[in-house]
Amino acid sequence: MEGGPCALCQELEEFDRESQEILVGFTEQRREILGRINERHDPFIQRLPLELASQVFTFCLPQQPVFVSTGPYISLLWDASKKSHIKPFNIVLGSICQSWRRIAWSTPNLWSILPIRLHQQNTQSRVDLTLEWLRRSVQIPLDVVVYDSTATSEELTEENVGLWMPLIDIVNGCSSRWRKFTVDAPELVCSYIVGNGEATSILECLKFGDTYSRRFSTGFSLTNALPIPTELVLSSPVPLRLIVIGWSNLTSVRFTGLYVNECLALLQRACHLTTFLIDQLLLGRDEFLPAPAPTTHNTLEHFDIFGLDEEHTAQQLLDSLILPSLVELSYDSAYNSLDNVSAFLQRSGCRLTELRITGQDPDYFSEVAPASGLQALESLEYHGYLDPFLRCLNRSTNSDSNSLFLPNLHRLVIWGEPKNWSDLADLFLSRPLKTLSIQLHLDIDLEDETSWVDKEIALRFQDLVEKGHDIKIMGRLKGEMGEDRDLLLWFIKERMLEARNND
């Protein structure tokens, strides 16, 4: 009545104030109890010196993490070993307690993987979080991943790319610290990634993602710096001339959409290359045929050419190469003539130990296998008609029954389902084969007697497993969903149970 609260209102305000003080006191007591619980539950980390505790935390670093576009601010990781998504390891460690948070925040290696997720709703808080993440990494080398989670190349324009520029500026600002750099974003974004202008570069691995399949007109170039990486992966078609790097240190490359002339040019530039994987080999309309003298590369050991663009493309490439150090070859027989492959192997004088081959010609392998370089073969993966292939492996190379076809073969992976399962078991009678994996990417109906082996063959497989042979038959039962699983032991058990019931 005098312009202030009445007595009852004052009493309520005083009660609220005292209640709040009590709640604050309880909160402090609860925090103190939680601290004692954390100390009791963690008798190890908190008693270690900071350097050792940090080293223990770095053991949580995932192997080859892959970022996915989920979560409002921080990207999740894909853990290949657990086949599941996990929250960022550094954030999880810091959420346990204050002591763990202090250790995690002061361990730079936990922040060496920098995820930059481009989103149309980028906010200042996202930029601030990225800057804080970068600050915690101090000055150690970085594995940077830049990827676009929303926009398509049609939606992205010069006007709205400005939404992402604060994050792109952060990426450019630390370019002298890039150890691995992966970009999976539209071409317009890539054109803004130019580095910070410093001449220093420690880049070891450069990767372009496979978001867009069309051939880029923008490549990769850093202002004033020439990276000399050891690994290059271009899952999006990028012309070789637009990749401005030093080629002399490259040991591993993987390309999608590479022309034959670019392939030969790359082999001439990367003189220390050991692994070369081509997902899509192209032949341009106006591309000149290779020079009569084949290109020799003395260090290449692993060569993989699949996903070919035209039937004659692979043949043209193999006719242009001499690879004396080659030990592993993967190719599709549908795009290579018998004479083409045989001539390449004999011309190279290499001794292959691993071969992966696909094709539809059932007699192809039996004809090409005696070629020079395959008698030393130790590991073979075959996609094609199995029965002629198995008969080929079970025969001798000449009239001498002790002379085996591919005598050093001890690992075999075959894709498909043989009609005669006894031919598989016969492989172990006269050769040192220890590992056999049969990939059955089919829905197998076990009630169908024609799909699986009988009791006698089942006993033979069981005996081979008991003798130490590593045999796997991967597949799915009829109606099963998900990934393939090893059906061999389950199948043997079912056949033995069936035989017992029949007896």
Protein backbone atom coordinates (compact mmCIF):
# COMPACT_ATOMS: atom_id res chain seq x y z
CA MET A 1 0.00 0.00 0.00
CA GLU A 2 3.03 2.27 0.31
CA GLY A 3 4.43 1.41 -3.17
CA GLY A 4 6.31 -1.74 -2.09
CA PRO A 5 5.52 -5.44 -1.59
CA CYS A 6 3.26 -6.40 1.22
CA ALA A 7 4.43 -8.44 4.21
CA LEU A 8 3.36 -11.77 2.69
CA CYS A 9 5.16 -11.00 -0.57
CA GLN A 10 8.30 -10.12 1.36
CA GLU A 11 8.01 -13.38 3.27
CA LEU A 12 7.80 -15.31 -0.05
CA GLU A 13 10.84 -13.47 -1.47
CA GLU A 14 12.86 -14.26 1.65
CA PHE A 15 11.82 -17.92 1.45
CA ASP A 16 12.86 -18.12 -2.24
CA ARG A 17 16.23 -16.51 -1.43
CA GLU A 18 16.93 -18.93 1.43
CA SER A 19 15.79 -21.90 -0.71
CA GLN A 20 18.12 -20.86 -3.51
CA GLU A 21 21.06 -20.62 -1.10
CA ILE A 22 20.23 -24.12 0.18
CA LEU A 23 20.05 -25.50 -3.38
CA VAL A 24 23.42 -23.91 -4.23
CA GLY A 25 24.88 -25.52 -1.14
CA PHE A 26 23.44 -28.91 -2.07
CA THR A 27 24.80 -28.53 -5.62
CA GLU A 28 28.29 -27.83 -4.26
CA GLN A 29 28.03 -30.81 -1.91
CA ARG A 30 26.90 -33.05 -4.77
CA ARG A 31 29.81 -31.87 -6.95
CA GLU A 32 32.21 -32.60 -4.09
CA ILE A 33 30.74 -36.12 -3.68
CA LEU A 34 31.01 -36.73 -7.44
CA GLY A 35 34.66 -35.67 -7.29
CA ARG A 36 35.37 -38.24 -4.58
CA ILE A 37 33.50 -40.88 -6.61
CA ASN A 38 35.60 -40.09 -9.67
CA GLU A 39 38.78 -40.42 -7.62
CA ARG A 40 37.63 -43.76 -6.19
CA HIS A 41 36.51 -45.08 -9.60
CA ASP A 42 39.70 -43.87 -11.31
CA PRO A 43 42.67 -44.92 -9.17
CA PHE A 44 44.96 -44.88 -12.22
CA ILE A 45 44.77 -41.88 -14.59
CA GLN A 46 44.61 -39.20 -11.91
CA ARG A 47 47.73 -40.59 -10.22
CA LEU A 48 49.84 -40.56 -13.36
CA PRO A 49 52.00 -37.63 -14.45
CA LEU A 50 50.27 -35.52 -17.09
CA GLU A 51 52.59 -36.75 -19.86
CA LEU A 52 51.74 -40.42 -19.18
CA ALA A 53 48.02 -39.75 -18.78
CA SER A 54 48.01 -37.89 -22.10
CA GLN A 55 49.77 -40.82 -23.75
CA VAL A 56 47.12 -43.21 -22.42
CA PHE A 57 44.39 -40.96 -23.80
CA THR A 58 45.98 -40.97 -27.26
CA PHE A 59 45.40 -44.73 -27.38
CA CYS A 60 41.73 -43.79 -27.92
CA LEU A 61 42.54 -42.32 -31.34
CA PRO A 62 40.52 -44.27 -33.96
CA GLN A 63 42.26 -45.85 -36.90
CA GLN A 64 41.45 -44.09 -40.18
CA PRO A 65 38.32 -42.27 -38.95
CA VAL A 66 35.57 -41.35 -41.39
CA PHE A 67 33.35 -38.37 -40.68
CA VAL A 68 29.64 -38.53 -41.36
CA SER A 69 27.15 -35.70 -41.68
CA THR A 70 25.20 -36.14 -38.46
CA GLY A 71 25.06 -34.10 -35.31
CA PRO A 72 24.34 -30.37 -35.14
CA TYR A 73 27.89 -29.18 -34.48
CA ILE A 74 30.41 -32.02 -34.15
CA SER A 75 30.64 -34.82 -36.67
CA LEU A 76 30.41 -38.43 -35.61
CA LEU A 77 33.10 -40.92 -36.52
CA TRP A 78 32.81 -44.34 -38.15
CA ASP A 79 34.75 -47.00 -36.26
CA ALA A 80 35.53 -49.69 -38.84
CA SER A 81 36.57 -52.25 -36.23
CA LYS A 82 33.25 -51.96 -34.36
CA LYS A 83 31.21 -51.23 -37.51
CA SER A 84 29.36 -48.46 -35.76
CA HIS A 85 29.35 -44.71 -35.32
CA ILE A 86 31.07 -43.23 -32.29
CA LYS A 87 31.15 -39.78 -30.80
CA PRO A 88 34.42 -37.87 -31.14
CA PHE A 89 36.90 -39.46 -28.73
CA ASN A 90 38.23 -36.15 -27.42
CA ILE A 91 34.76 -34.90 -26.50
CA VAL A 92 33.88 -38.19 -24.76
CA LEU A 93 37.07 -38.17 -22.67
CA GLY A 94 36.48 -34.57 -21.64
CA SER A 95 32.92 -35.30 -20.48
CA ILE A 96 33.90 -37.83 -17.80
CA CYS A 97 35.05 -35.49 -15.06
CA GLN A 98 36.99 -32.28 -14.48
CA SER A 99 40.29 -34.11 -14.06
CA TRP A 100 39.90 -36.01 -17.33
CA ARG A 101 38.76 -32.81 -19.03
CA ARG A 102 41.94 -30.99 -17.99
CA ILE A 103 44.03 -33.85 -19.39
CA ALA A 104 42.06 -34.07 -22.64
CA TRP A 105 42.07 -30.32 -23.19
CA SER A 106 45.86 -30.22 -22.78
CA THR A 107 46.65 -33.23 -25.02
CA PRO A 108 47.22 -31.82 -28.54
CA ASN A 109 47.23 -35.24 -30.23
CA LEU A 110 43.57 -35.69 -29.32
CA TRP A 111 42.76 -32.66 -31.47
CA SER A 112 44.98 -33.47 -34.45
CA ILE A 113 42.00 -34.60 -36.59
CA LEU A 114 40.10 -31.46 -37.57
CA PRO A 115 36.60 -32.05 -39.04
CA ILE A 116 35.15 -29.17 -41.07
CA ARG A 117 31.52 -29.86 -41.88
CA LEU A 118 30.08 -27.34 -44.31
CA HIS A 119 26.43 -26.65 -43.66
CA GLN A 120 23.95 -24.07 -44.89
CA GLN A 121 23.17 -23.17 -41.29
CA ASN A 122 26.69 -22.38 -40.17
CA THR A 123 26.62 -20.21 -37.07
CA GLN A 124 29.19 -18.25 -35.09
CA SER A 125 29.14 -20.95 -32.42
CA ARG A 126 30.27 -23.50 -35.01
CA VAL A 127 33.13 -21.21 -36.05
CA ASP A 128 34.09 -20.60 -32.42
CA LEU A 129 34.10 -24.32 -31.70
CA THR A 130 36.36 -24.96 -34.70
CA LEU A 131 38.77 -22.24 -33.55
CA GLU A 132 38.84 -23.70 -30.03
CA TRP A 133 39.43 -27.19 -31.47
CA LEU A 134 42.32 -25.81 -33.50
CA ARG A 135 43.75 -23.96 -30.49
CA ARG A 136 43.85 -27.17 -28.45
CA SER A 137 45.90 -28.86 -31.17
CA VAL A 138 48.65 -26.27 -30.50
CA GLN A 139 51.11 -26.58 -33.44
CA ILE A 140 51.18 -30.33 -34.18
CA PRO A 141 50.51 -31.70 -37.72
CA LEU A 142 46.82 -31.92 -38.63
CA ASP A 143 44.61 -34.38 -40.48
CA VAL A 144 41.97 -32.07 -41.97
CA VAL A 145 38.66 -33.29 -43.40
CA VAL A 146 36.43 -30.83 -45.28
CA TYR A 147 33.09 -32.15 -46.44
CA ASP A 148 29.72 -30.81 -47.50
CA SER A 149 26.69 -32.33 -45.81
CA THR A 150 23.80 -30.52 -47.48
CA ALA A 151 24.28 -28.53 -50.65
CA THR A 152 24.61 -29.92 -54.15
CA SER A 153 26.64 -28.37 -56.90
CA GLU A 154 23.41 -26.96 -58.39
CA GLU A 155 22.38 -25.26 -55.13
CA LEU A 156 25.79 -23.78 -54.35
CA THR A 157 26.46 -20.36 -55.87
CA GLU A 158 28.94 -17.55 -55.36
CA GLU A 159 26.30 -15.78 -53.27
CA ASN A 160 25.72 -18.48 -50.64
CA VAL A 161 29.27 -19.83 -50.53
CA GLY A 162 29.95 -16.88 -48.25
CA LEU A 163 28.17 -18.78 -45.48
CA TRP A 164 31.06 -21.22 -45.45
CA MET A 165 33.93 -18.79 -45.92
CA PRO A 166 34.71 -18.37 -42.18
CA LEU A 167 35.33 -22.13 -41.93
CA ILE A 168 37.23 -22.24 -45.23
CA ASP A 169 39.39 -19.36 -43.97
CA ILE A 170 40.22 -21.42 -40.88
CA VAL A 171 41.22 -24.34 -43.11
CA ASN A 172 43.42 -22.12 -45.28
CA GLY A 173 44.97 -20.49 -42.25
CA CYS A 174 46.51 -23.75 -41.00
CA SER A 175 47.61 -25.12 -44.40
CA SER A 176 51.28 -25.24 -43.36
CA ARG A 177 50.27 -27.83 -40.71
CA TRP A 178 48.29 -30.16 -43.00
CA ARG A 179 49.65 -33.68 -42.77
CA LYS A 180 46.60 -35.32 -44.40
CA PHE A 181 44.03 -33.29 -46.28
CA THR A 182 40.69 -34.69 -47.46
CA VAL A 183 38.07 -32.65 -49.29
CA ASP A 184 34.65 -33.99 -50.27
CA ALA A 185 32.76 -30.90 -51.39
CA PRO A 186 31.50 -29.18 -54.55
CA GLU A 187 34.01 -27.82 -57.03
CA LEU A 188 33.24 -24.22 -56.09
CA VAL A 189 34.34 -24.90 -52.52
CA CYS A 190 37.55 -26.53 -53.73
CA SER A 191 38.39 -23.41 -55.72
CA TYR A 192 38.59 -21.42 -52.47
CA ILE A 193 41.04 -23.82 -50.79
CA VAL A 194 44.35 -22.15 -51.61
CA GLY A 195 46.31 -22.23 -48.35
CA ASN A 196 47.68 -19.38 -46.27
CA GLY A 197 50.38 -18.19 -48.68
CA GLU A 198 53.28 -19.66 -46.71
CA ALA A 199 55.87 -21.64 -48.64
CA THR A 200 55.95 -24.41 -46.03
CA SER A 201 54.04 -27.66 -46.58
CA ILE A 202 54.30 -30.97 -44.73
CA LEU A 203 51.43 -32.59 -46.66
CA GLU A 204 51.79 -36.40 -46.84
CA CYS A 205 48.35 -37.47 -48.09
CA LEU A 206 45.89 -35.66 -50.40
CA LYS A 207 42.38 -37.04 -51.03
CA PHE A 208 39.44 -35.84 -53.10
CA GLY A 209 36.13 -37.46 -52.11
CA ASP A 210 33.59 -39.02 -54.44
CA THR A 211 30.64 -36.67 -53.87
CA TYR A 212 30.43 -35.67 -57.52
CA SER A 213 31.33 -37.89 -60.44
CA ARG A 214 31.69 -35.33 -63.22
CA ARG A 215 35.18 -34.29 -64.24
CA PHE A 216 36.42 -31.25 -62.32
CA SER A 217 37.73 -28.10 -63.96
CA THR A 218 39.21 -27.01 -60.63
CA GLY A 219 42.06 -29.03 -59.15
CA PHE A 220 44.36 -28.46 -56.22
CA SER A 221 46.93 -25.71 -55.84
CA LEU A 222 48.38 -23.91 -52.81
CA THR A 223 49.60 -20.34 -53.10
CA ASN A 224 53.43 -20.19 -52.84
CA ALA A 225 53.67 -23.81 -51.62
CA LEU A 226 54.39 -27.03 -53.52
CA PRO A 227 53.39 -30.07 -51.42
CA ILE A 228 55.30 -33.30 -52.05
CA PRO A 229 52.91 -35.99 -50.74
CA THR A 230 53.49 -39.73 -50.62
CA GLU A 231 49.82 -40.68 -51.15
CA LEU A 232 47.27 -39.29 -53.61
CA VAL A 233 43.61 -40.40 -53.84
CA LEU A 234 41.27 -38.78 -56.38
CA SER A 235 37.84 -40.40 -56.08
CA SER A 236 36.39 -37.59 -58.21
CA PRO A 237 37.64 -37.22 -61.78
CA VAL A 238 40.26 -34.46 -61.74
CA PRO A 239 42.57 -33.74 -64.70
CA LEU A 240 46.15 -34.56 -63.82
CA ARG A 241 47.39 -31.17 -65.04
CA LEU A 242 45.27 -29.41 -62.37
CA ILE A 243 46.96 -31.19 -59.45
CA VAL A 244 49.87 -28.89 -58.58
CA ILE A 245 52.14 -31.01 -56.38
CA GLY A 246 55.60 -32.50 -56.47
CA TRP A 247 55.37 -36.05 -57.84
CA SER A 248 58.77 -37.40 -56.88
CA ASN A 249 57.79 -38.73 -53.42
CA LEU A 250 54.54 -40.46 -54.40
CA THR A 251 54.42 -44.13 -53.46
CA SER A 252 50.64 -44.78 -53.64
CA VAL A 253 47.96 -43.32 -55.94
CA ARG A 254 44.32 -44.12 -56.62
CA PHE A 255 42.47 -42.45 -59.47
CA THR A 256 38.92 -42.34 -60.77
CA GLY A 257 38.49 -41.11 -64.32
CA LEU A 258 42.09 -41.20 -65.56
CA TYR A 259 42.90 -41.11 -69.27
CA VAL A 260 45.49 -43.48 -70.72
CA ASN A 261 47.89 -40.68 -71.63
CA GLU A 262 47.55 -39.24 -68.10
CA CYS A 263 48.28 -42.65 -66.65
CA LEU A 264 51.51 -42.95 -68.63
CA ALA A 265 52.48 -39.38 -67.73
CA LEU A 266 51.92 -40.12 -64.05
CA LEU A 267 54.15 -43.20 -64.18
CA GLN A 268 56.87 -41.11 -65.79
CA ARG A 269 56.64 -38.42 -63.09
CA ALA A 270 56.23 -40.65 -60.00
CA CYS A 271 59.41 -42.66 -60.28
CA HIS A 272 59.08 -44.15 -56.75
CA LEU A 273 55.50 -45.34 -57.11
CA THR A 274 54.76 -48.79 -55.62
CA THR A 275 50.92 -48.91 -55.66
CA PHE A 276 48.71 -47.75 -58.55
CA LEU A 277 44.91 -48.28 -58.45
CA ILE A 278 42.69 -47.11 -61.33
CA ASP A 279 38.92 -47.22 -60.75
CA GLN A 280 37.96 -45.91 -64.19
CA LEU A 281 40.39 -45.88 -67.08
CA LEU A 282 39.29 -43.62 -69.94
CA LEU A 283 40.18 -43.25 -73.58
CA GLY A 284 39.56 -39.84 -75.12
CA ARG A 285 38.22 -39.48 -78.65
CA ASP A 286 41.24 -37.49 -79.80
CA GLU A 287 43.78 -39.30 -77.66
CA PHE A 288 46.85 -40.40 -79.55
CA LEU A 289 48.00 -43.99 -79.34
CA PRO A 290 50.96 -44.56 -77.03
CA ALA A 291 54.46 -44.49 -78.47
CA PRO A 292 55.74 -47.80 -79.87
CA ALA A 293 58.32 -48.08 -77.09
CA PRO A 294 56.58 -49.16 -73.83
CA THR A 295 57.05 -47.15 -70.65
CA THR A 296 59.19 -48.93 -68.04
CA HIS A 297 58.54 -48.35 -64.35
CA ASN A 298 60.99 -50.12 -62.07
CA THR A 299 59.36 -49.78 -58.63
CA LEU A 300 55.64 -50.45 -59.21
CA GLU A 301 54.59 -53.53 -57.23
CA HIS A 302 50.76 -53.33 -57.00
CA PHE A 303 48.68 -52.58 -60.11
CA ASP A 304 44.87 -52.58 -60.16
CA ILE A 305 42.80 -51.67 -63.26
CA PHE A 306 39.03 -52.07 -62.93
CA GLY A 307 35.96 -50.06 -63.88
CA LEU A 308 37.10 -49.62 -67.46
CA ASP A 309 35.43 -47.15 -69.81
CA GLU A 310 35.87 -48.95 -73.13
CA GLU A 311 36.70 -52.51 -74.07
CA HIS A 312 40.05 -51.70 -75.65
CA THR A 313 41.22 -49.23 -72.98
CA ALA A 314 42.98 -51.68 -70.66
CA GLN A 315 44.61 -53.53 -73.52
CA GLN A 316 46.06 -50.27 -74.79
CA LEU A 317 47.50 -49.48 -71.37
CA LEU A 318 49.08 -52.91 -70.77
CA ASP A 319 50.60 -52.82 -74.25
CA SER A 320 52.35 -49.59 -73.21
CA LEU A 321 53.92 -50.82 -69.95
CA ILE A 322 56.86 -52.84 -68.65
CA LEU A 323 56.68 -53.47 -64.88
CA PRO A 324 59.59 -55.69 -63.80
CA SER A 325 58.91 -55.32 -60.04
CA LEU A 326 55.20 -56.16 -60.21
CA VAL A 327 54.08 -58.68 -57.55
CA GLU A 328 50.31 -58.01 -57.40
CA LEU A 329 47.98 -57.58 -60.38
CA SER A 330 44.19 -57.07 -60.51
CA TYR A 331 42.26 -56.79 -63.76
CA ASP A 332 39.10 -57.79 -65.66
CA SER A 333 39.65 -60.46 -68.31
CA ALA A 334 36.67 -59.19 -70.29
CA TYR A 335 38.76 -56.16 -71.31
CA ASN A 336 42.05 -57.97 -71.95
CA SER A 337 42.85 -60.51 -74.62
CA LEU A 338 44.85 -63.61 -73.76
CA ASP A 339 47.71 -62.50 -75.99
CA ASN A 340 47.62 -59.03 -74.44
CA VAL A 341 48.08 -60.25 -70.83
CA SER A 342 50.59 -62.97 -71.71
CA ALA A 343 52.71 -60.52 -73.69
CA PHE A 344 52.62 -58.00 -70.82
CA LEU A 345 53.75 -60.58 -68.24
CA GLN A 346 56.50 -61.98 -70.45
CA ARG A 347 57.70 -58.51 -71.48
CA SER A 348 57.85 -57.36 -67.83
CA GLY A 349 59.64 -60.48 -66.62
CA CYS A 350 57.92 -60.07 -63.24
CA ARG A 351 57.11 -62.83 -60.76
CA LEU A 352 53.59 -62.29 -59.47
CA THR A 353 52.72 -63.54 -56.00
CA GLU A 354 49.14 -62.18 -55.88
CA LEU A 355 46.55 -62.10 -58.67
CA ARG A 356 42.94 -60.95 -58.70
CA ILE A 357 41.03 -61.67 -61.89
CA THR A 358 37.41 -61.37 -63.02
CA GLY A 359 35.83 -62.47 -66.26
CA GLN A 360 33.22 -64.54 -68.01
CA ASP A 361 35.35 -66.80 -70.23
CA PRO A 362 35.58 -70.20 -68.46
CA ASP A 363 38.72 -71.20 -70.35
CA TYR A 364 40.50 -67.89 -69.96
CA PHE A 365 42.38 -68.63 -66.76
CA SER A 366 43.51 -72.09 -67.80
CA GLU A 367 45.09 -70.56 -70.90
CA VAL A 368 46.70 -67.47 -69.35
CA ALA A 369 48.01 -69.12 -66.15
CA PRO A 370 50.98 -70.94 -67.76
CA ALA A 371 52.29 -67.56 -68.92
CA SER A 372 55.58 -66.33 -67.56
CA GLY A 373 55.36 -64.92 -64.05
CA LEU A 374 52.42 -66.93 -62.70
CA GLN A 375 54.22 -70.05 -61.56
CA ALA A 376 55.35 -68.16 -58.44
CA LEU A 377 51.76 -67.21 -57.58
CA GLU A 378 50.93 -67.58 -53.87
CA SER A 379 47.54 -65.86 -53.56
CA LEU A 380 44.70 -65.93 -56.10
CA GLU A 381 41.26 -64.27 -56.10
CA TYR A 382 38.99 -65.36 -58.92
CA HIS A 383 35.57 -64.09 -60.04
CA GLY A 384 34.04 -66.16 -62.80
CA TYR A 385 32.86 -69.64 -63.78
CA LEU A 386 34.17 -71.93 -61.06
CA ASP A 387 33.97 -75.49 -62.34
CA PRO A 388 36.40 -75.09 -65.28
CA PHE A 389 38.61 -73.04 -62.99
CA LEU A 390 38.68 -75.75 -60.29
CA ARG A 391 39.41 -78.47 -62.84
CA CYS A 392 42.28 -76.34 -64.06
CA LEU A 393 43.75 -76.08 -60.55
CA ASN A 394 43.42 -79.81 -59.97
CA ARG A 395 45.30 -80.89 -63.07
CA SER A 396 49.07 -81.14 -63.52
CA THR A 397 50.98 -78.90 -65.88
CA ASN A 398 52.28 -81.80 -67.95
CA SER A 399 52.36 -85.58 -68.06
CA ASP A 400 54.28 -85.67 -64.77
CA SER A 401 51.59 -86.06 -62.10
CA ASN A 402 53.91 -84.51 -59.52
CA SER A 403 54.09 -81.25 -61.46
CA LEU A 404 51.32 -79.06 -60.08
CA PHE A 405 49.52 -76.27 -61.85
CA LEU A 406 50.49 -73.10 -59.86
CA PRO A 407 52.57 -75.15 -57.39
CA ASN A 408 53.16 -72.33 -54.86
CA LEU A 409 49.50 -71.38 -54.44
CA HIS A 410 48.48 -71.44 -50.77
CA ARG A 411 45.69 -68.85 -50.58
CA LEU A 412 42.55 -68.91 -52.71
CA VAL A 413 39.48 -66.65 -52.72
CA ILE A 414 36.73 -67.54 -55.16
CA TRP A 415 33.40 -65.82 -55.76
CA GLY A 416 30.46 -67.95 -56.80
CA GLU A 417 29.06 -71.40 -56.18
CA PRO A 418 30.58 -74.53 -57.74
CA LYS A 419 28.34 -77.30 -59.01
CA ASN A 420 30.85 -79.98 -58.06
CA TRP A 421 31.91 -79.40 -54.44
CA SER A 422 34.25 -82.39 -54.49
CA ASP A 423 36.58 -80.40 -56.77
CA LEU A 424 37.02 -77.92 -53.90
CA ALA A 425 37.96 -80.62 -51.42
CA ASP A 426 40.35 -82.16 -53.96
CA LEU A 427 42.39 -78.94 -53.99
CA PHE A 428 43.86 -79.89 -50.61
CA LEU A 429 45.06 -83.35 -51.64
CA SER A 430 48.20 -82.38 -53.49
CA ARG A 431 49.04 -78.73 -52.81
CA PRO A 432 50.06 -76.67 -49.75
CA LEU A 433 46.81 -74.70 -49.76
CA LYS A 434 46.11 -73.36 -46.25
CA THR A 435 43.60 -70.58 -46.75
CA LEU A 436 40.41 -70.96 -48.76
CA SER A 437 37.61 -68.41 -48.75
CA ILE A 438 34.50 -68.98 -50.86
CA GLN A 439 32.34 -65.90 -51.27
CA LEU A 440 28.70 -66.86 -51.86
CA HIS A 441 26.81 -63.63 -52.44
CA LEU A 442 23.57 -65.52 -52.86
CA ASP A 443 20.56 -66.49 -50.79
CA ILE A 444 21.17 -70.22 -50.32
CA ASP A 445 18.22 -72.51 -49.63
CA LEU A 446 19.63 -75.33 -47.51
CA GLU A 447 16.58 -77.46 -48.25
CA ASP A 448 17.71 -77.62 -51.87
CA GLU A 449 20.08 -80.58 -52.08
CA THR A 450 21.57 -79.28 -55.33
CA SER A 451 22.84 -76.14 -53.61
CA TRP A 452 25.07 -77.79 -51.06
CA VAL A 453 27.34 -80.78 -50.65
CA ASP A 454 26.39 -84.21 -49.36
CA LYS A 455 27.47 -85.94 -46.15
CA GLU A 456 30.68 -87.33 -47.62
CA ILE A 457 31.95 -83.94 -48.77
CA ALA A 458 30.89 -82.40 -45.46
CA LEU A 459 33.07 -84.96 -43.63
CA ARG A 460 35.98 -84.13 -45.91
CA PHE A 461 35.67 -80.42 -45.13
CA GLN A 462 35.41 -81.18 -41.41
CA ASP A 463 38.58 -83.27 -41.59
CA LEU A 464 40.41 -80.46 -43.41
CA VAL A 465 39.37 -77.91 -40.76
CA GLU A 466 40.55 -80.25 -37.98
CA LYS A 467 43.92 -80.54 -39.73
CA GLY A 468 44.38 -76.79 -39.50
CA HIS A 469 43.21 -75.55 -42.88
CA ASP A 470 41.62 -72.10 -42.77
CA ILE A 471 38.46 -72.61 -44.83
CA LYS A 472 35.59 -70.14 -44.93
CA ILE A 473 32.38 -70.28 -46.94
CA MET A 474 30.84 -66.82 -46.69
CA GLY A 475 27.21 -66.25 -47.56
CA ARG A 476 23.67 -65.89 -46.30
CA LEU A 477 20.90 -68.36 -45.74
CA LYS A 478 17.70 -67.83 -47.67
CA GLY A 479 15.84 -64.84 -46.26
CA GLU A 480 18.74 -63.61 -44.10
CA MET A 481 19.51 -59.92 -44.08
CA GLY A 482 22.74 -58.08 -43.35
CA GLU A 483 26.34 -59.02 -44.02
CA ASP A 484 27.60 -62.41 -45.11
CA ARG A 485 28.80 -64.82 -42.43
CA ASP A 486 30.86 -68.00 -42.33
CA LEU A 487 28.45 -70.89 -43.00
CA LEU A 488 30.92 -73.77 -43.16
CA LEU A 489 30.88 -75.00 -39.55
CA TRP A 490 27.13 -74.45 -39.29
CA PHE A 491 26.65 -76.36 -42.52
CA ILE A 492 28.83 -79.30 -41.37
CA LYS A 493 26.89 -79.48 -38.11
CA GLU A 494 23.57 -79.50 -39.97
CA ARG A 495 24.71 -82.28 -42.33
CA MET A 496 25.99 -84.42 -39.46
CA LEU A 497 22.73 -83.93 -37.57
CA GLU A 498 20.78 -84.80 -40.71
CA ALA A 499 22.84 -87.98 -41.24
CA ARG A 500 22.33 -89.01 -37.60
CA ASN A 501 18.58 -88.56 -37.88
CA ASN A 502 18.49 -90.60 -41.09
CA ASP A 503 20.44 -93.41 -39.43
